[in-house]
Every structure is written in structure tokens, then in C-alpha cells.
Amino acid sequence: MSEFRITRLGEQFRDEISRMILTQQIKDPRVSTFLNINRVEITSDLSYAKVYVSSFMNEKQTLKGVKGLESAAGFIQTTLSKKLRLRQFPKLTFLLDTSIKEGFEMVQKLNELEAESNAREAAQNDVTASAADAAEESSGRDAEN
């Protein structure tokens, strides 16, 4: 199967699984509507699909949600296979995706570094301005003498 077709199929899987979570078709109490399906990677022979799940909840609750999705994988596969006509339907595995959280933390660190840099620059400008004022005063005194 072509790479484009596999990518498009992964997007369809992502949309359908997300819709199932939002409409609460998955009855497992561990599966929260706050779970987000980031991406789905399907092997070229359509035998396996990795579903990457994230959330803004804490990691423990998100991991519980992933386990809930894993236990409901059979139901999800059956429901998807009825909607999507495929000769061979891939086995779904659900994985915790921490890339959004890591990206958010990296942006926070960059903002902190930028704030520190701006503070240092402001302090350096204050020192330079004070030195310039002191030099003007001393040259003014020299001119008077």
C-alpha cells in the first residue's frame, strides 16, 4: 500500500478513535474525554497500528486512560472495521505520548532563559549608564579646574 494511503488511513483512524472517545462510546471508566489521539502509525503491511495518546491531565491519569483504551482495543477495532472497509485490519496498540508535555516544558525553559538574558542585559545597561554618568561628572570637574 502506498505511503500516502497509509498516512491518510492513519488520519482516519485518529479521527474515528477521537470521535469514539468524545462521544463516550467507550464505556471503560478509565477512558476520559480529556484524552487526545495525537497520531496513528500504521505498518505498510497493515498488520499493526500504534496509537499515540496524550492528555493535559497528570501522567498517572493519562496512563490509566491508555490502559483503558488498551483493554477496549477489541471493541475499537470492531467498530472501526465496520466503518472502514479493509481487507486486513491492523492490531491496535495504545502508547502514552509525552511529546506535547515535553514541548511545553521546553518552551517554559526557553522563556525562563530569555527572561534571565533580558534581566542581565538590563543590569549591564544600568552599569554602563552609571559609568557614563560618572565619567561626565569627572570631566566636568576637570574642566572647572
C-alpha atoms as a PDB file:
ATOM      1  CA  MET A   1       0.000   0.000   0.000  1.00  0.00           C
ATOM      2  CA  SER A   2       1.317   3.469  -0.865  1.00  0.00           C
ATOM      3  CA  GLU A   3       2.748   5.746   1.815  1.00  0.00           C
ATOM      4  CA  PHE A   4       0.117   8.395   1.086  1.00  0.00           C
ATOM      5  CA  ARG A   5      -2.717   5.892   1.532  1.00  0.00           C
ATOM      6  CA  ILE A   6      -1.244   4.638   4.842  1.00  0.00           C
ATOM      7  CA  THR A   7      -0.874   8.207   6.129  1.00  0.00           C
ATOM      8  CA  ARG A   8      -4.461   9.018   5.155  1.00  0.00           C
ATOM      9  CA  LEU A   9      -5.684   5.809   6.780  1.00  0.00           C
ATOM     10  CA  GLY A  10      -3.823   6.748   9.983  1.00  0.00           C
ATOM     11  CA  GLU A  11      -5.584  10.118   9.984  1.00  0.00           C
ATOM     12  CA  GLN A  12      -8.943   8.383   9.551  1.00  0.00           C
ATOM     13  CA  PHE A  13      -8.150   6.066  12.480  1.00  0.00           C
ATOM     14  CA  ARG A  14      -7.169   9.066  14.610  1.00  0.00           C
ATOM     15  CA  ASP A  15     -10.391  10.924  13.756  1.00  0.00           C
ATOM     16  CA  GLU A  16     -12.636   7.921  14.395  1.00  0.00           C
ATOM     17  CA  ILE A  17     -10.987   6.931  17.690  1.00  0.00           C
ATOM     18  CA  SER A  18     -11.121  10.567  18.863  1.00  0.00           C
ATOM     19  CA  ARG A  19     -14.799  10.705  17.966  1.00  0.00           C
ATOM     20  CA  MET A  20     -15.427   7.486  19.914  1.00  0.00           C
ATOM     21  CA  ILE A  21     -13.707   8.973  22.982  1.00  0.00           C
ATOM     22  CA  LEU A  22     -15.580  12.281  22.774  1.00  0.00           C
ATOM     23  CA  THR A  23     -18.984  10.662  22.281  1.00  0.00           C
ATOM     24  CA  GLN A  24     -18.184   8.253  25.144  1.00  0.00           C
ATOM     25  CA  GLN A  25     -18.827   5.134  23.078  1.00  0.00           C
ATOM     26  CA  ILE A  26     -16.007   3.512  25.030  1.00  0.00           C
ATOM     27  CA  LYS A  27     -17.639   2.659  28.348  1.00  0.00           C
ATOM     28  CA  ASP A  28     -14.452   2.000  30.320  1.00  0.00           C
ATOM     29  CA  PRO A  29     -14.391   4.494  33.249  1.00  0.00           C
ATOM     30  CA  ARG A  30     -10.620   4.931  32.879  1.00  0.00           C
ATOM     31  CA  VAL A  31     -11.094   6.480  29.430  1.00  0.00           C
ATOM     32  CA  SER A  32     -11.608  10.207  29.946  1.00  0.00           C
ATOM     33  CA  THR A  33     -12.866  12.663  27.356  1.00  0.00           C
ATOM     34  CA  PHE A  34      -9.682  14.645  28.049  1.00  0.00           C
ATOM     35  CA  LEU A  35      -7.586  12.045  26.217  1.00  0.00           C
ATOM     36  CA  ASN A  36      -6.187  13.171  22.898  1.00  0.00           C
ATOM     37  CA  ILE A  37      -5.097  10.961  19.988  1.00  0.00           C
ATOM     38  CA  ASN A  38      -2.003  12.643  18.559  1.00  0.00           C
ATOM     39  CA  ARG A  39      -1.124  10.336  15.709  1.00  0.00           C
ATOM     40  CA  VAL A  40      -1.509   6.807  14.423  1.00  0.00           C
ATOM     41  CA  GLU A  41       1.361   4.975  12.752  1.00  0.00           C
ATOM     42  CA  ILE A  42       0.337   2.010  10.610  1.00  0.00           C
ATOM     43  CA  THR A  43       2.814  -0.541   9.248  1.00  0.00           C
ATOM     44  CA  SER A  44       2.986  -0.873   5.469  1.00  0.00           C
ATOM     45  CA  ASP A  45       1.508  -4.403   5.540  1.00  0.00           C
ATOM     46  CA  LEU A  46      -1.457  -3.194   7.691  1.00  0.00           C
ATOM     47  CA  SER A  47      -0.752  -5.715  10.427  1.00  0.00           C
ATOM     48  CA  TYR A  48      -0.122  -3.270  13.310  1.00  0.00           C
ATOM     49  CA  ALA A  49      -1.047   0.284  14.236  1.00  0.00           C
ATOM     50  CA  LYS A  50       0.456   2.328  17.075  1.00  0.00           C
ATOM     51  CA  VAL A  51      -1.941   4.882  18.521  1.00  0.00           C
ATOM     52  CA  TYR A  52      -0.212   7.692  20.437  1.00  0.00           C
ATOM     53  CA  VAL A  53      -2.331   9.129  23.256  1.00  0.00           C
ATOM     54  CA  SER A  54      -1.705  12.238  25.356  1.00  0.00           C
ATOM     55  CA  SER A  55      -3.585  14.478  27.756  1.00  0.00           C
ATOM     56  CA  PHE A  56      -3.141  17.571  29.856  1.00  0.00           C
ATOM     57  CA  MET A  57      -4.106  15.549  32.915  1.00  0.00           C
ATOM     58  CA  ASN A  58      -1.326  14.259  35.125  1.00  0.00           C
ATOM     59  CA  GLU A  59       0.720  11.356  33.798  1.00  0.00           C
ATOM     60  CA  LYS A  60      -0.809   8.794  36.174  1.00  0.00           C
ATOM     61  CA  GLN A  61      -4.371   9.522  34.997  1.00  0.00           C
ATOM     62  CA  THR A  62      -3.281   9.560  31.360  1.00  0.00           C
ATOM     63  CA  LEU A  63      -1.593   6.185  31.808  1.00  0.00           C
ATOM     64  CA  LYS A  64      -4.834   4.820  33.298  1.00  0.00           C
ATOM     65  CA  GLY A  65      -6.662   6.110  30.228  1.00  0.00           C
ATOM     66  CA  VAL A  66      -4.166   4.418  27.915  1.00  0.00           C
ATOM     67  CA  LYS A  67      -4.692   1.131  29.784  1.00  0.00           C
ATOM     68  CA  GLY A  68      -8.448   1.600  29.438  1.00  0.00           C
ATOM     69  CA  LEU A  69      -8.075   2.124  25.695  1.00  0.00           C
ATOM     70  CA  GLU A  70      -5.820  -0.933  25.508  1.00  0.00           C
ATOM     71  CA  SER A  71      -8.465  -3.059  27.193  1.00  0.00           C
ATOM     72  CA  ALA A  72     -11.112  -1.680  24.807  1.00  0.00           C
ATOM     73  CA  ALA A  73      -8.901  -2.261  21.741  1.00  0.00           C
ATOM     74  CA  GLY A  74     -11.035  -5.165  20.515  1.00  0.00           C
ATOM     75  CA  PHE A  75     -14.199  -3.070  20.652  1.00  0.00           C
ATOM     76  CA  ILE A  76     -12.454  -0.157  18.918  1.00  0.00           C
ATOM     77  CA  GLN A  77     -11.080  -2.455  16.185  1.00  0.00           C
ATOM     78  CA  THR A  78     -14.525  -3.987  15.588  1.00  0.00           C
ATOM     79  CA  THR A  79     -16.215  -0.596  15.409  1.00  0.00           C
ATOM     80  CA  LEU A  80     -13.567   0.815  13.071  1.00  0.00           C
ATOM     81  CA  SER A  81     -13.637  -2.245  10.820  1.00  0.00           C
ATOM     82  CA  LYS A  82     -17.376  -1.756  10.310  1.00  0.00           C
ATOM     83  CA  LYS A  83     -16.827   1.863   9.250  1.00  0.00           C
ATOM     84  CA  LEU A  84     -13.651   1.393   7.210  1.00  0.00           C
ATOM     85  CA  ARG A  85     -13.666  -1.377   4.635  1.00  0.00           C
ATOM     86  CA  LEU A  86     -10.236  -3.015   4.774  1.00  0.00           C
ATOM     87  CA  ARG A  87      -9.178  -6.474   3.675  1.00  0.00           C
ATOM     88  CA  GLN A  88      -6.871  -6.781   6.674  1.00  0.00           C
ATOM     89  CA  PHE A  89      -7.453  -4.687   9.774  1.00  0.00           C
ATOM     90  CA  PRO A  90      -4.384  -3.770  11.885  1.00  0.00           C
ATOM     91  CA  LYS A  91      -3.994  -4.750  15.535  1.00  0.00           C
ATOM     92  CA  LEU A  92      -4.156  -1.580  17.626  1.00  0.00           C
ATOM     93  CA  THR A  93      -1.674  -0.827  20.397  1.00  0.00           C
ATOM     94  CA  PHE A  94      -2.030   2.298  22.518  1.00  0.00           C
ATOM     95  CA  LEU A  95       1.040   4.190  23.735  1.00  0.00           C
ATOM     96  CA  LEU A  96       1.488   7.170  26.044  1.00  0.00           C
ATOM     97  CA  ASP A  97       2.811  10.165  24.098  1.00  0.00           C
ATOM     98  CA  THR A  98       4.607  12.743  26.230  1.00  0.00           C
ATOM     99  CA  SER A  99       5.820  14.910  23.348  1.00  0.00           C
ATOM    100  CA  ILE A 100       3.282  17.691  23.982  1.00  0.00           C
ATOM    101  CA  LYS A 101       4.248  17.890  27.657  1.00  0.00           C
ATOM    102  CA  GLU A 102       7.961  17.841  26.793  1.00  0.00           C
ATOM    103  CA  GLY A 103       7.451  20.564  24.188  1.00  0.00           C
ATOM    104  CA  PHE A 104       5.540  22.699  26.698  1.00  0.00           C
ATOM    105  CA  GLU A 105       8.324  22.279  29.279  1.00  0.00           C
ATOM    106  CA  MET A 106      10.937  23.204  26.669  1.00  0.00           C
ATOM    107  CA  VAL A 107       9.056  26.401  25.791  1.00  0.00           C
ATOM    108  CA  GLN A 108       8.888  27.265  29.508  1.00  0.00           C
ATOM    109  CA  LYS A 109      12.659  26.761  29.843  1.00  0.00           C
ATOM    110  CA  LEU A 110      13.301  28.940  26.783  1.00  0.00           C
ATOM    111  CA  ASN A 111      11.071  31.673  28.237  1.00  0.00           C
ATOM    112  CA  GLU A 112      12.967  31.483  31.538  1.00  0.00           C
ATOM    113  CA  LEU A 113      16.316  31.757  29.743  1.00  0.00           C
ATOM    114  CA  GLU A 114      15.059  34.717  27.729  1.00  0.00           C
ATOM    115  CA  ALA A 115      13.868  36.451  30.916  1.00  0.00           C
ATOM    116  CA  GLU A 116      17.271  35.854  32.567  1.00  0.00           C
ATOM    117  CA  SER A 117      19.049  37.187  29.487  1.00  0.00           C
ATOM    118  CA  ASN A 118      16.863  40.298  29.431  1.00  0.00           C
ATOM    119  CA  ALA A 119      17.488  40.858  33.155  1.00  0.00           C
ATOM    120  CA  ARG A 120      21.264  40.553  32.667  1.00  0.00           C
ATOM    121  CA  GLU A 121      21.135  42.902  29.689  1.00  0.00           C
ATOM    122  CA  ALA A 122      19.135  45.462  31.675  1.00  0.00           C
ATOM    123  CA  ALA A 123      21.575  45.235  34.588  1.00  0.00           C
ATOM    124  CA  GLN A 124      24.512  45.645  32.205  1.00  0.00           C
ATOM    125  CA  ASN A 125      22.881  48.705  30.628  1.00  0.00           C
ATOM    126  CA  ASP A 126      22.364  50.216  34.103  1.00  0.00           C
ATOM    127  CA  VAL A 127      26.057  49.684  34.946  1.00  0.00           C
ATOM    128  CA  THR A 128      27.127  51.198  31.609  1.00  0.00           C
ATOM    129  CA  ALA A 129      24.826  54.203  32.118  1.00  0.00           C
ATOM    130  CA  SER A 130      26.178  54.743  35.653  1.00  0.00           C
ATOM    131  CA  ALA A 131      29.755  54.607  34.388  1.00  0.00           C
ATOM    132  CA  ALA A 132      28.964  57.122  31.648  1.00  0.00           C
ATOM    133  CA  ASP A 133      27.352  59.498  34.182  1.00  0.00           C
ATOM    134  CA  ALA A 134      30.399  59.207  36.447  1.00  0.00           C
ATOM    135  CA  ALA A 135      32.735  59.942  33.516  1.00  0.00           C
ATOM    136  CA  GLU A 136      30.725  63.064  32.578  1.00  0.00           C
ATOM    137  CA  GLU A 137      30.866  64.354  36.163  1.00  0.00           C
ATOM    138  CA  SER A 138      34.624  63.834  36.414  1.00  0.00           C
ATOM    139  CA  SER A 139      35.245  65.514  33.025  1.00  0.00           C
ATOM    140  CA  GLY A 140      33.034  68.436  34.147  1.00  0.00           C
ATOM    141  CA  ARG A 141      35.134  68.857  37.308  1.00  0.00           C
ATOM    142  CA  ASP A 142      38.372  68.719  35.296  1.00  0.00           C
ATOM    143  CA  ALA A 143      37.092  71.498  33.020  1.00  0.00           C
ATOM    144  CA  GLU A 144      36.291  73.701  36.028  1.00  0.00           C
ATOM    145  CA  ASN A 145      39.838  73.343  37.473  1.00  0.00           C
END
